[in-house]
Every structure is written in structure tokens, then in C-alpha cells.
Amino acid sequence: MNTQLTPPPDHDLRPATRSRQRDELIAIIDHESAQGAPRRRLVPLAAAAAVVAVTAGLAIGVPALRGDKAQPPASGAGVGAATPPLEPLSTAEQNRYAKACNGNAAAIPDPAARGYTVLDGFKWVNPPAGTTALAWIVIKKHSKDMAAACGFDAKGKQTAFAWGINGETKMDVVDGGSTGGGTYTKSVARVTIAFGTGPATEAVLRKGFFFAPMKYVDTLTRPAPTDPLTYTVRGYDAAGKLIYASPKTYRELNAKLDGCFTNPEGTKVVYVGGGRKGTPPVSQCRRGVAWNW
């Protein structure tokens, strides 16, 4: 990541959340401005956020596991708790949230590329107490074939962020970029999220993004390698088969992030973790998946 870039303006968030979103937005700007830059620099946001979480000792919106026993069976036969109903945003809400979601556009040199198109927007009806993102907006940025999903609380402050670039390689078919939200590929038909040892909540799948009303938790102490993570995220295909499960512990998460993965064709390494120098052969890396929406 090019740390010489000027980060976008911070939103009025918790310090940990603000730092995470600043890093995420810098990554986006880095991608938009680095024409022809090595793709290994483009770390998926779930991974980037997880690195920040482990380094800083914070669980900052990285979906992860806290025990399989509390989750639906791997066959997908179990049904998680239903999500609350949702309703469209008002015109005023849509305009306000979309503008805020595009808040990093000022860092894009070309004025013509600072625009956006609203793809989706909704708010939960009677969500559980403590839900961090009561409303979501999804926009497509004109600068690149990229969609950004931003969540907002009851005061209209941005509390969650996820993104996807059409054709970009992701580490997994489910990429939980933020608390209660993330991306999924077209092989995924169902996503569940659970907080702690609680029941799994069925996520809403909309245009490549999944959403569930979840609460945000700051972990104030540095987690031990064997500590379970705060969230459980699972993905199933149309036949109900489990095709994605988030790591169970910080040790598993770090091991995953210290690895590498290739493009979907398995011909080029696009991500190398662990601070290693050089690029390993493709035979030593997992295949990534393309996010095509």
C-alpha cells in the first residue's frame, strides 16, 4: 500500500473504526491510482482489517468464528434466526448516505471520476438492540468498476464499510469486510453470521453484498492466539453445502493471512502475506476467486 497517499477525510466514528476505515479507503485510492501496479498489493479488505485487528489487539469488524457447535449443521439443513424486515431508504436518506459513502472521492485527481451511481439502499425495520449499521447504501464509483457498501447508525454516522471491484480476486467466496456486511461470489446462495456463541442470523444477499443486523464490539486487550474471534460467518451453495467457514481462532486467522493465493486461473500469485520477500510459486498458494457483479 502506498502510504504516501493522502487519506480521505475521517468520519466521526470510534477511534478504532476510524482507523480501519481510513486504511480501507486508502487501499481503494491506491488501487484507483496505481495503474499497472503489481496486483499483490491489493489485499482483500477482510484480510487487511484482520491484520489491523490482530496487530492493534482489536476485533474491529472482522467476521470470524467462536465455535462451530453453536452454528447450523455443515449440511446447511439448519436455519439461522430470520433477519428483520427491511424497507427502502427515503430519497433524502439515499442522497445523504450515498454522498457520505463516496466521501473519499476528493482524493481522485480526475473530477469526472468522482461521481457515482446508487445501486441499492435500505434500512432495517425493528433490528436487534445494538445493531451497528441500521441502514446501508451501495454505490458504484465512476472511477473504477467498483461498488462500495456503507452502513450507517441511527445518527447517520458511517459505521461499516465493504467493497468489491468487478473481476477483482478475493481470497474466499465470502469476504466479510465489515461488521454485518461483506461480499460474496455467485457460487454462494446463503450466508449466516453469528455473534459469540449465539444463534446464526440469516444474512440478506443483494447484488454481491450480504448484510445482517449485527452489533459492533471493541476488544480492548490483545487477543491470545487461541482466543476465538467475535463473529462466525458461513457460506452455503444452492444445494445447502457449506463452502465457506471463517477461521476459529486468531492463530488460524493469522496462518491464513500469512499464506498466499493466486488468481482464479491459478496462473499468477496476487497476494502474499506474512511480510515475506519475493513471490512464491503458484503451486504453493491457494486459488483465489473472482468477484463478478
C-alpha atoms as a PDB file:
ATOM      1  CA  MET A   1       0.000   0.000   0.000  1.00  0.00           C
ATOM      2  CA  ASN A   2       1.311   3.432  -0.857  1.00  0.00           C
ATOM      3  CA  THR A   3       1.305   5.220   2.486  1.00  0.00           C
ATOM      4  CA  GLN A   4       2.346   8.465   0.786  1.00  0.00           C
ATOM      5  CA  LEU A   5      -1.190   8.968  -0.479  1.00  0.00           C
ATOM      6  CA  THR A   6      -3.336  11.475   1.350  1.00  0.00           C
ATOM      7  CA  PRO A   7      -6.072   9.568   3.204  1.00  0.00           C
ATOM      8  CA  PRO A   8      -9.685  10.600   2.734  1.00  0.00           C
ATOM      9  CA  PRO A   9     -11.438  12.683   5.395  1.00  0.00           C
ATOM     10  CA  ASP A  10     -12.300  10.683   8.512  1.00  0.00           C
ATOM     11  CA  HIS A  11     -15.897  10.150   9.548  1.00  0.00           C
ATOM     12  CA  ASP A  12     -16.969  10.864  13.117  1.00  0.00           C
ATOM     13  CA  LEU A  13     -16.508   7.301  14.354  1.00  0.00           C
ATOM     14  CA  ARG A  14     -14.920   5.402  17.206  1.00  0.00           C
ATOM     15  CA  PRO A  15     -11.113   5.739  17.018  1.00  0.00           C
ATOM     16  CA  ALA A  16     -10.651   2.061  16.116  1.00  0.00           C
ATOM     17  CA  THR A  17     -13.365   2.217  13.473  1.00  0.00           C
ATOM     18  CA  ARG A  18     -11.966   5.441  12.048  1.00  0.00           C
ATOM     19  CA  SER A  19      -8.503   3.933  11.705  1.00  0.00           C
ATOM     20  CA  ARG A  20      -9.861   0.839   9.980  1.00  0.00           C
ATOM     21  CA  GLN A  21     -11.935   2.783   7.500  1.00  0.00           C
ATOM     22  CA  ARG A  22      -9.074   5.148   6.774  1.00  0.00           C
ATOM     23  CA  ASP A  23      -6.887   2.168   5.881  1.00  0.00           C
ATOM     24  CA  GLU A  24      -9.662   0.681   3.760  1.00  0.00           C
ATOM     25  CA  LEU A  25     -10.222   3.883   1.832  1.00  0.00           C
ATOM     26  CA  ILE A  26      -6.519   4.400   1.302  1.00  0.00           C
ATOM     27  CA  ALA A  27      -6.438   0.909  -0.214  1.00  0.00           C
ATOM     28  CA  ILE A  28      -9.184   1.907  -2.616  1.00  0.00           C
ATOM     29  CA  ILE A  29      -7.406   5.088  -3.640  1.00  0.00           C
ATOM     30  CA  ASP A  30      -4.197   3.119  -4.017  1.00  0.00           C
ATOM     31  CA  HIS A  31      -5.967   0.768  -6.403  1.00  0.00           C
ATOM     32  CA  GLU A  32      -7.556   3.578  -8.365  1.00  0.00           C
ATOM     33  CA  SER A  33      -4.305   5.484  -8.811  1.00  0.00           C
ATOM     34  CA  ALA A  34      -1.855   2.606  -9.314  1.00  0.00           C
ATOM     35  CA  GLN A  35      -2.322   1.857 -12.992  1.00  0.00           C
ATOM     36  CA  GLY A  36      -0.419  -1.307 -13.778  1.00  0.00           C
ATOM     37  CA  ALA A  37       0.817  -1.699 -10.206  1.00  0.00           C
ATOM     38  CA  PRO A  38       1.527  -5.266  -9.035  1.00  0.00           C
ATOM     39  CA  ARG A  39      -1.731  -6.931  -8.032  1.00  0.00           C
ATOM     40  CA  ARG A  40      -0.137  -8.479  -4.979  1.00  0.00           C
ATOM     41  CA  ARG A  41      -0.527  -5.032  -3.363  1.00  0.00           C
ATOM     42  CA  LEU A  42      -4.310  -5.323  -3.495  1.00  0.00           C
ATOM     43  CA  VAL A  43      -5.036  -7.089  -0.244  1.00  0.00           C
ATOM     44  CA  PRO A  44      -8.711  -8.025   0.319  1.00  0.00           C
ATOM     45  CA  LEU A  45     -10.268  -5.765   2.950  1.00  0.00           C
ATOM     46  CA  ALA A  46     -11.231  -8.615   5.240  1.00  0.00           C
ATOM     47  CA  ALA A  47      -7.572  -9.595   5.368  1.00  0.00           C
ATOM     48  CA  ALA A  48      -6.367  -6.019   5.749  1.00  0.00           C
ATOM     49  CA  ALA A  49      -8.836  -5.349   8.546  1.00  0.00           C
ATOM     50  CA  ALA A  50      -7.880  -8.604  10.212  1.00  0.00           C
ATOM     51  CA  VAL A  51      -4.204  -7.657  10.166  1.00  0.00           C
ATOM     52  CA  VAL A  52      -5.076  -4.348  11.828  1.00  0.00           C
ATOM     53  CA  ALA A  53      -7.242  -6.170  14.356  1.00  0.00           C
ATOM     54  CA  VAL A  54      -4.515  -8.605  15.373  1.00  0.00           C
ATOM     55  CA  THR A  55      -1.750  -6.021  15.343  1.00  0.00           C
ATOM     56  CA  ALA A  56      -3.659  -3.490  17.404  1.00  0.00           C
ATOM     57  CA  GLY A  57      -5.330  -6.030  19.648  1.00  0.00           C
ATOM     58  CA  LEU A  58      -8.776  -5.048  18.441  1.00  0.00           C
ATOM     59  CA  ALA A  59     -11.622  -7.083  16.978  1.00  0.00           C
ATOM     60  CA  ILE A  60     -12.774  -4.393  14.576  1.00  0.00           C
ATOM     61  CA  GLY A  61     -15.466  -5.782  12.424  1.00  0.00           C
ATOM     62  CA  VAL A  62     -13.632  -8.847  11.096  1.00  0.00           C
ATOM     63  CA  PRO A  63     -16.186 -11.630  10.771  1.00  0.00           C
ATOM     64  CA  ALA A  64     -14.824 -14.779  12.371  1.00  0.00           C
ATOM     65  CA  LEU A  65     -15.600 -17.908  14.383  1.00  0.00           C
ATOM     66  CA  ARG A  66     -16.318 -18.533  18.055  1.00  0.00           C
ATOM     67  CA  GLY A  67     -17.231 -22.207  17.989  1.00  0.00           C
ATOM     68  CA  ASP A  68     -18.900 -24.495  15.487  1.00  0.00           C
ATOM     69  CA  LYS A  69     -21.198 -26.173  17.981  1.00  0.00           C
ATOM     70  CA  ALA A  70     -23.487 -23.161  18.155  1.00  0.00           C
ATOM     71  CA  GLN A  71     -23.800 -22.976  14.375  1.00  0.00           C
ATOM     72  CA  PRO A  72     -26.072 -24.652  11.817  1.00  0.00           C
ATOM     73  CA  PRO A  73     -25.001 -28.103  10.609  1.00  0.00           C
ATOM     74  CA  ALA A  74     -22.418 -28.117   7.835  1.00  0.00           C
ATOM     75  CA  SER A  75     -25.012 -29.593   5.507  1.00  0.00           C
ATOM     76  CA  GLY A  76     -26.916 -26.334   5.629  1.00  0.00           C
ATOM     77  CA  ALA A  77     -30.006 -28.098   6.976  1.00  0.00           C
ATOM     78  CA  GLY A  78     -30.151 -25.816   9.992  1.00  0.00           C
ATOM     79  CA  VAL A  79     -31.868 -22.475   9.556  1.00  0.00           C
ATOM     80  CA  GLY A  80     -30.497 -19.437  11.366  1.00  0.00           C
ATOM     81  CA  ALA A  81     -32.522 -16.717  13.012  1.00  0.00           C
ATOM     82  CA  ALA A  82     -34.516 -14.708  10.497  1.00  0.00           C
ATOM     83  CA  THR A  83     -33.312 -11.223   9.670  1.00  0.00           C
ATOM     84  CA  PRO A  84     -35.711  -8.385  10.462  1.00  0.00           C
ATOM     85  CA  PRO A  85     -37.665  -6.958   7.532  1.00  0.00           C
ATOM     86  CA  LEU A  86     -36.194  -4.065   5.603  1.00  0.00           C
ATOM     87  CA  GLU A  87     -37.571  -1.088   3.730  1.00  0.00           C
ATOM     88  CA  PRO A  88     -36.195   1.267   1.064  1.00  0.00           C
ATOM     89  CA  LEU A  89     -34.448   4.454   2.056  1.00  0.00           C
ATOM     90  CA  SER A  90     -36.224   7.741   1.580  1.00  0.00           C
ATOM     91  CA  THR A  91     -34.893   9.970  -1.175  1.00  0.00           C
ATOM     92  CA  ALA A  92     -33.259  12.265   1.385  1.00  0.00           C
ATOM     93  CA  GLU A  93     -31.632   9.346   3.218  1.00  0.00           C
ATOM     94  CA  GLN A  94     -30.396   7.820  -0.018  1.00  0.00           C
ATOM     95  CA  ASN A  95     -28.825  11.072  -1.167  1.00  0.00           C
ATOM     96  CA  ARG A  96     -27.220  11.771   2.208  1.00  0.00           C
ATOM     97  CA  TYR A  97     -25.821   8.276   2.691  1.00  0.00           C
ATOM     98  CA  ALA A  98     -24.594   7.960  -0.890  1.00  0.00           C
ATOM     99  CA  LYS A  99     -22.699  11.235  -0.641  1.00  0.00           C
ATOM    100  CA  ALA A 100     -21.097  10.126   2.622  1.00  0.00           C
ATOM    101  CA  CYS A 101     -20.209   6.733   1.161  1.00  0.00           C
ATOM    102  CA  ASN A 102     -18.408   8.489  -1.689  1.00  0.00           C
ATOM    103  CA  GLY A 103     -16.565  10.718   0.766  1.00  0.00           C
ATOM    104  CA  ASN A 104     -13.085   9.702  -0.390  1.00  0.00           C
ATOM    105  CA  ALA A 105     -13.749  10.909  -3.946  1.00  0.00           C
ATOM    106  CA  ALA A 106     -11.935  14.189  -3.344  1.00  0.00           C
ATOM    107  CA  ALA A 107      -8.662  12.268  -3.389  1.00  0.00           C
ATOM    108  CA  ILE A 108      -9.242  11.173  -7.002  1.00  0.00           C
ATOM    109  CA  PRO A 109      -7.349  13.530  -9.357  1.00  0.00           C
ATOM    110  CA  ASP A 110      -9.836  13.370 -12.241  1.00  0.00           C
ATOM    111  CA  PRO A 111     -13.049  15.313 -11.386  1.00  0.00           C
ATOM    112  CA  ALA A 112     -15.027  13.264 -13.919  1.00  0.00           C
ATOM    113  CA  ALA A 113     -14.151  10.110 -12.000  1.00  0.00           C
ATOM    114  CA  ARG A 114     -15.514  11.361  -8.681  1.00  0.00           C
ATOM    115  CA  GLY A 115     -19.137  10.583  -9.481  1.00  0.00           C
ATOM    116  CA  TYR A 116     -21.162   7.527  -8.527  1.00  0.00           C
ATOM    117  CA  THR A 117     -24.400   5.673  -9.210  1.00  0.00           C
ATOM    118  CA  VAL A 118     -26.642   4.351  -6.436  1.00  0.00           C
ATOM    119  CA  LEU A 119     -27.146   0.591  -6.823  1.00  0.00           C
ATOM    120  CA  ASP A 120     -29.062  -0.256  -3.669  1.00  0.00           C
ATOM    121  CA  GLY A 121     -30.194   1.142  -0.339  1.00  0.00           C
ATOM    122  CA  PHE A 122     -32.322   0.002   2.581  1.00  0.00           C
ATOM    123  CA  LYS A 123     -32.789   0.179   6.348  1.00  0.00           C
ATOM    124  CA  TRP A 124     -33.724  -2.492   8.850  1.00  0.00           C
ATOM    125  CA  VAL A 125     -37.180  -2.454  10.408  1.00  0.00           C
ATOM    126  CA  ASN A 126     -37.017  -3.107  14.181  1.00  0.00           C
ATOM    127  CA  PRO A 127     -33.462  -4.537  14.223  1.00  0.00           C
ATOM    128  CA  PRO A 128     -31.973  -6.035  17.409  1.00  0.00           C
ATOM    129  CA  ALA A 129     -30.716  -3.594  20.023  1.00  0.00           C
ATOM    130  CA  GLY A 130     -27.125  -2.561  19.458  1.00  0.00           C
ATOM    131  CA  THR A 131     -27.138  -3.085  15.687  1.00  0.00           C
ATOM    132  CA  THR A 132     -24.197  -1.049  14.403  1.00  0.00           C
ATOM    133  CA  ALA A 133     -25.489  -0.383  10.868  1.00  0.00           C
ATOM    134  CA  LEU A 134     -29.205   0.397  10.770  1.00  0.00           C
ATOM    135  CA  ALA A 135     -29.109   1.466   7.112  1.00  0.00           C
ATOM    136  CA  TRP A 136     -26.991   0.501   4.107  1.00  0.00           C
ATOM    137  CA  ILE A 137     -26.248   2.196   0.793  1.00  0.00           C
ATOM    138  CA  VAL A 138     -24.442   0.585  -2.146  1.00  0.00           C
ATOM    139  CA  ILE A 139     -22.891   2.802  -4.799  1.00  0.00           C
ATOM    140  CA  LYS A 140     -20.859   2.192  -7.946  1.00  0.00           C
ATOM    141  CA  LYS A 141     -17.936   4.583  -8.268  1.00  0.00           C
ATOM    142  CA  HIS A 142     -17.296   6.048 -11.700  1.00  0.00           C
ATOM    143  CA  SER A 143     -13.534   5.958 -11.205  1.00  0.00           C
ATOM    144  CA  LYS A 144     -13.396   2.163 -11.462  1.00  0.00           C
ATOM    145  CA  ASP A 145     -15.811  -0.724 -11.864  1.00  0.00           C
ATOM    146  CA  MET A 146     -16.072  -0.799  -8.092  1.00  0.00           C
ATOM    147  CA  ALA A 147     -19.036  -0.970  -5.741  1.00  0.00           C
ATOM    148  CA  ALA A 148     -18.906   0.253  -2.145  1.00  0.00           C
ATOM    149  CA  ALA A 149     -21.382  -0.650   0.604  1.00  0.00           C
ATOM    150  CA  CYS A 150     -21.585   1.720   3.584  1.00  0.00           C
ATOM    151  CA  GLY A 151     -23.552   1.205   6.785  1.00  0.00           C
ATOM    152  CA  PHE A 152     -24.915   3.998   8.995  1.00  0.00           C
ATOM    153  CA  ASP A 153     -26.202   4.228  12.557  1.00  0.00           C
ATOM    154  CA  ALA A 154     -29.294   5.993  13.886  1.00  0.00           C
ATOM    155  CA  LYS A 155     -27.479   9.357  13.849  1.00  0.00           C
ATOM    156  CA  GLY A 156     -26.443   8.970  10.226  1.00  0.00           C
ATOM    157  CA  LYS A 157     -22.803   8.311  11.060  1.00  0.00           C
ATOM    158  CA  GLN A 158     -20.950   5.744   8.951  1.00  0.00           C
ATOM    159  CA  THR A 159     -20.177   2.640  10.993  1.00  0.00           C
ATOM    160  CA  ALA A 160     -19.475  -0.066   8.409  1.00  0.00           C
ATOM    161  CA  PHE A 161     -17.824  -0.416   5.009  1.00  0.00           C
ATOM    162  CA  ALA A 162     -17.335  -3.174   2.420  1.00  0.00           C
ATOM    163  CA  TRP A 163     -16.297  -3.088  -1.213  1.00  0.00           C
ATOM    164  CA  GLY A 164     -15.819  -5.125  -4.367  1.00  0.00           C
ATOM    165  CA  ILE A 165     -14.244  -4.482  -7.760  1.00  0.00           C
ATOM    166  CA  ASN A 166     -15.680  -6.323 -10.736  1.00  0.00           C
ATOM    167  CA  GLY A 167     -13.225  -9.077 -11.634  1.00  0.00           C
ATOM    168  CA  GLU A 168     -11.013  -8.469  -8.595  1.00  0.00           C
ATOM    169  CA  THR A 169      -9.573 -11.590  -6.973  1.00  0.00           C
ATOM    170  CA  LYS A 170     -10.830 -12.305  -3.474  1.00  0.00           C
ATOM    171  CA  MET A 171      -9.318 -14.735  -1.015  1.00  0.00           C
ATOM    172  CA  ASP A 172     -12.604 -16.584  -0.420  1.00  0.00           C
ATOM    173  CA  VAL A 173     -16.113 -16.866  -1.834  1.00  0.00           C
ATOM    174  CA  VAL A 174     -17.277 -14.894   1.215  1.00  0.00           C
ATOM    175  CA  ASP A 175     -15.343 -11.787   2.249  1.00  0.00           C
ATOM    176  CA  GLY A 176     -16.654 -10.261   5.466  1.00  0.00           C
ATOM    177  CA  GLY A 177     -15.311  -6.758   5.052  1.00  0.00           C
ATOM    178  CA  SER A 178     -17.174  -5.145   7.957  1.00  0.00           C
ATOM    179  CA  THR A 179     -19.479  -5.746  10.900  1.00  0.00           C
ATOM    180  CA  GLY A 180     -22.677  -7.195   9.469  1.00  0.00           C
ATOM    181  CA  GLY A 181     -21.655  -6.808   5.844  1.00  0.00           C
ATOM    182  CA  GLY A 182     -19.337  -8.060   3.133  1.00  0.00           C
ATOM    183  CA  THR A 183     -19.177  -9.566  -0.343  1.00  0.00           C
ATOM    184  CA  TYR A 184     -19.994 -12.974  -1.781  1.00  0.00           C
ATOM    185  CA  THR A 185     -19.443 -14.614  -5.154  1.00  0.00           C
ATOM    186  CA  LYS A 186     -22.162 -16.070  -7.356  1.00  0.00           C
ATOM    187  CA  SER A 187     -21.428 -19.587  -6.090  1.00  0.00           C
ATOM    188  CA  VAL A 188     -22.911 -18.570  -2.715  1.00  0.00           C
ATOM    189  CA  ALA A 189     -26.654 -18.849  -2.130  1.00  0.00           C
ATOM    190  CA  ARG A 190     -26.795 -18.355   1.632  1.00  0.00           C
ATOM    191  CA  VAL A 191     -24.705 -16.596   4.297  1.00  0.00           C
ATOM    192  CA  THR A 192     -25.122 -16.767   8.064  1.00  0.00           C
ATOM    193  CA  ILE A 193     -23.464 -14.656  10.752  1.00  0.00           C
ATOM    194  CA  ALA A 194     -23.387 -15.347  14.480  1.00  0.00           C
ATOM    195  CA  PHE A 195     -22.179 -13.212  17.358  1.00  0.00           C
ATOM    196  CA  GLY A 196     -20.274 -15.142  20.013  1.00  0.00           C
ATOM    197  CA  THR A 197     -21.982 -18.408  20.857  1.00  0.00           C
ATOM    198  CA  GLY A 198     -25.386 -17.067  19.859  1.00  0.00           C
ATOM    199  CA  PRO A 199     -27.556 -18.400  17.060  1.00  0.00           C
ATOM    200  CA  ALA A 200     -26.662 -17.702  13.459  1.00  0.00           C
ATOM    201  CA  THR A 201     -28.542 -14.905  11.726  1.00  0.00           C
ATOM    202  CA  GLU A 202     -29.557 -15.283   8.105  1.00  0.00           C
ATOM    203  CA  ALA A 203     -27.930 -12.569   6.027  1.00  0.00           C
ATOM    204  CA  VAL A 204     -29.689 -10.767   3.194  1.00  0.00           C
ATOM    205  CA  LEU A 205     -27.927 -11.259  -0.153  1.00  0.00           C
ATOM    206  CA  ARG A 206     -28.222  -8.319  -2.552  1.00  0.00           C
ATOM    207  CA  LYS A 207     -26.183  -7.727  -5.723  1.00  0.00           C
ATOM    208  CA  GLY A 208     -22.939  -9.257  -4.492  1.00  0.00           C
ATOM    209  CA  PHE A 209     -23.152  -7.919  -0.923  1.00  0.00           C
ATOM    210  CA  PHE A 210     -24.543  -9.630   2.157  1.00  0.00           C
ATOM    211  CA  PHE A 211     -25.998  -7.828   5.174  1.00  0.00           C
ATOM    212  CA  ALA A 212     -27.135  -8.800   8.661  1.00  0.00           C
ATOM    213  CA  PRO A 213     -28.015  -6.646  11.689  1.00  0.00           C
ATOM    214  CA  MET A 214     -25.021  -7.206  13.976  1.00  0.00           C
ATOM    215  CA  LYS A 215     -23.567  -5.263  16.886  1.00  0.00           C
ATOM    216  CA  TYR A 216     -20.033  -3.876  16.966  1.00  0.00           C
ATOM    217  CA  VAL A 217     -17.619  -4.906  19.701  1.00  0.00           C
ATOM    218  CA  ASP A 218     -14.273  -3.344  20.631  1.00  0.00           C
ATOM    219  CA  THR A 219     -11.792  -5.787  22.153  1.00  0.00           C
ATOM    220  CA  LEU A 220      -9.648  -3.704  24.489  1.00  0.00           C
ATOM    221  CA  THR A 221      -6.961  -6.305  25.203  1.00  0.00           C
ATOM    222  CA  ARG A 222      -4.616  -8.041  22.801  1.00  0.00           C
ATOM    223  CA  PRO A 223      -6.120 -11.447  21.981  1.00  0.00           C
ATOM    224  CA  ALA A 224      -4.183 -14.648  22.566  1.00  0.00           C
ATOM    225  CA  PRO A 225      -3.559 -16.932  19.566  1.00  0.00           C
ATOM    226  CA  THR A 226      -6.057 -19.443  20.915  1.00  0.00           C
ATOM    227  CA  ASP A 227      -8.794 -16.884  21.567  1.00  0.00           C
ATOM    228  CA  PRO A 228     -11.947 -17.318  19.494  1.00  0.00           C
ATOM    229  CA  LEU A 229     -12.975 -14.487  17.208  1.00  0.00           C
ATOM    230  CA  THR A 230     -16.097 -12.451  17.775  1.00  0.00           C
ATOM    231  CA  TYR A 231     -18.147 -13.374  14.716  1.00  0.00           C
ATOM    232  CA  THR A 232     -18.959 -16.530  12.800  1.00  0.00           C
ATOM    233  CA  VAL A 233     -19.533 -16.267   9.069  1.00  0.00           C
ATOM    234  CA  ARG A 234     -20.545 -19.221   6.920  1.00  0.00           C
ATOM    235  CA  GLY A 235     -21.472 -19.527   3.262  1.00  0.00           C
ATOM    236  CA  TYR A 236     -23.517 -22.234   1.535  1.00  0.00           C
ATOM    237  CA  ASP A 237     -24.163 -23.072  -2.089  1.00  0.00           C
ATOM    238  CA  ALA A 238     -27.585 -23.579  -3.677  1.00  0.00           C
ATOM    239  CA  ALA A 239     -27.607 -27.248  -2.619  1.00  0.00           C
ATOM    240  CA  GLY A 240     -27.048 -26.301   1.042  1.00  0.00           C
ATOM    241  CA  LYS A 241     -23.400 -27.417   1.097  1.00  0.00           C
ATOM    242  CA  LEU A 242     -21.034 -25.472   3.323  1.00  0.00           C
ATOM    243  CA  ILE A 243     -18.448 -23.844   1.037  1.00  0.00           C
ATOM    244  CA  TYR A 244     -17.006 -21.225   3.375  1.00  0.00           C
ATOM    245  CA  ALA A 245     -16.322 -21.040   7.113  1.00  0.00           C
ATOM    246  CA  SER A 246     -14.369 -18.263   8.790  1.00  0.00           C
ATOM    247  CA  PRO A 247     -11.359 -19.125  10.990  1.00  0.00           C
ATOM    248  CA  LYS A 248     -11.995 -20.303  14.547  1.00  0.00           C
ATOM    249  CA  THR A 249      -9.112 -18.598  16.370  1.00  0.00           C
ATOM    250  CA  TYR A 250      -6.619 -15.792  15.892  1.00  0.00           C
ATOM    251  CA  ARG A 251      -3.947 -18.420  15.235  1.00  0.00           C
ATOM    252  CA  GLU A 252      -5.986 -19.815  12.347  1.00  0.00           C
ATOM    253  CA  LEU A 253      -6.690 -16.324  11.055  1.00  0.00           C
ATOM    254  CA  ASN A 254      -3.017 -15.349  11.133  1.00  0.00           C
ATOM    255  CA  ALA A 255      -1.993 -18.594   9.437  1.00  0.00           C
ATOM    256  CA  LYS A 256      -4.425 -17.845   6.649  1.00  0.00           C
ATOM    257  CA  LEU A 257      -3.254 -14.256   6.249  1.00  0.00           C
ATOM    258  CA  ASP A 258       0.386 -15.333   6.269  1.00  0.00           C
ATOM    259  CA  GLY A 259      -0.261 -17.522   3.241  1.00  0.00           C
ATOM    260  CA  CYS A 260      -0.710 -16.629  -0.397  1.00  0.00           C
ATOM    261  CA  PHE A 261      -3.266 -17.061  -3.147  1.00  0.00           C
ATOM    262  CA  THR A 262      -3.392 -16.846  -6.915  1.00  0.00           C
ATOM    263  CA  ASN A 263      -5.808 -15.541  -9.497  1.00  0.00           C
ATOM    264  CA  PRO A 264      -8.820 -17.799 -10.201  1.00  0.00           C
ATOM    265  CA  GLU A 265      -6.971 -19.439 -13.099  1.00  0.00           C
ATOM    266  CA  GLY A 266      -4.064 -20.405 -10.864  1.00  0.00           C
ATOM    267  CA  THR A 267      -1.529 -18.762 -13.178  1.00  0.00           C
ATOM    268  CA  LYS A 268      -0.396 -15.751 -11.130  1.00  0.00           C
ATOM    269  CA  VAL A 269       0.188 -15.034  -7.452  1.00  0.00           C
ATOM    270  CA  VAL A 270      -1.866 -11.976  -6.479  1.00  0.00           C
ATOM    271  CA  TYR A 271      -1.454 -11.919  -2.693  1.00  0.00           C
ATOM    272  CA  VAL A 272       1.497 -12.735  -0.449  1.00  0.00           C
ATOM    273  CA  GLY A 273       1.116 -12.323   3.308  1.00  0.00           C
ATOM    274  CA  GLY A 274       3.375 -12.503   6.307  1.00  0.00           C
ATOM    275  CA  GLY A 275       5.764  -9.781   5.148  1.00  0.00           C
ATOM    276  CA  ARG A 276       7.697 -12.259   3.021  1.00  0.00           C
ATOM    277  CA  LYS A 277      10.024 -11.046   0.310  1.00  0.00           C
ATOM    278  CA  GLY A 278       9.695 -12.351  -3.195  1.00  0.00           C
ATOM    279  CA  THR A 279       6.821 -14.222  -4.798  1.00  0.00           C
ATOM    280  CA  PRO A 280       6.331 -17.941  -4.136  1.00  0.00           C
ATOM    281  CA  PRO A 281       5.437 -20.300  -6.996  1.00  0.00           C
ATOM    282  CA  VAL A 282       1.739 -20.681  -7.740  1.00  0.00           C
ATOM    283  CA  SER A 283       1.915 -24.318  -6.626  1.00  0.00           C
ATOM    284  CA  GLN A 284       2.405 -23.160  -3.037  1.00  0.00           C
ATOM    285  CA  CYS A 285      -0.639 -20.876  -2.997  1.00  0.00           C
ATOM    286  CA  ARG A 286      -4.392 -21.329  -2.820  1.00  0.00           C
ATOM    287  CA  ARG A 287      -6.528 -20.224  -5.739  1.00  0.00           C
ATOM    288  CA  GLY A 288      -8.494 -17.058  -5.228  1.00  0.00           C
ATOM    289  CA  VAL A 289     -11.952 -16.361  -6.607  1.00  0.00           C
ATOM    290  CA  ALA A 290     -13.248 -13.552  -8.782  1.00  0.00           C
ATOM    291  CA  TRP A 291     -15.931 -11.148  -7.575  1.00  0.00           C
ATOM    292  CA  ASN A 292     -18.045 -10.543 -10.694  1.00  0.00           C
ATOM    293  CA  TRP A 293     -21.074  -8.326 -10.113  1.00  0.00           C
END
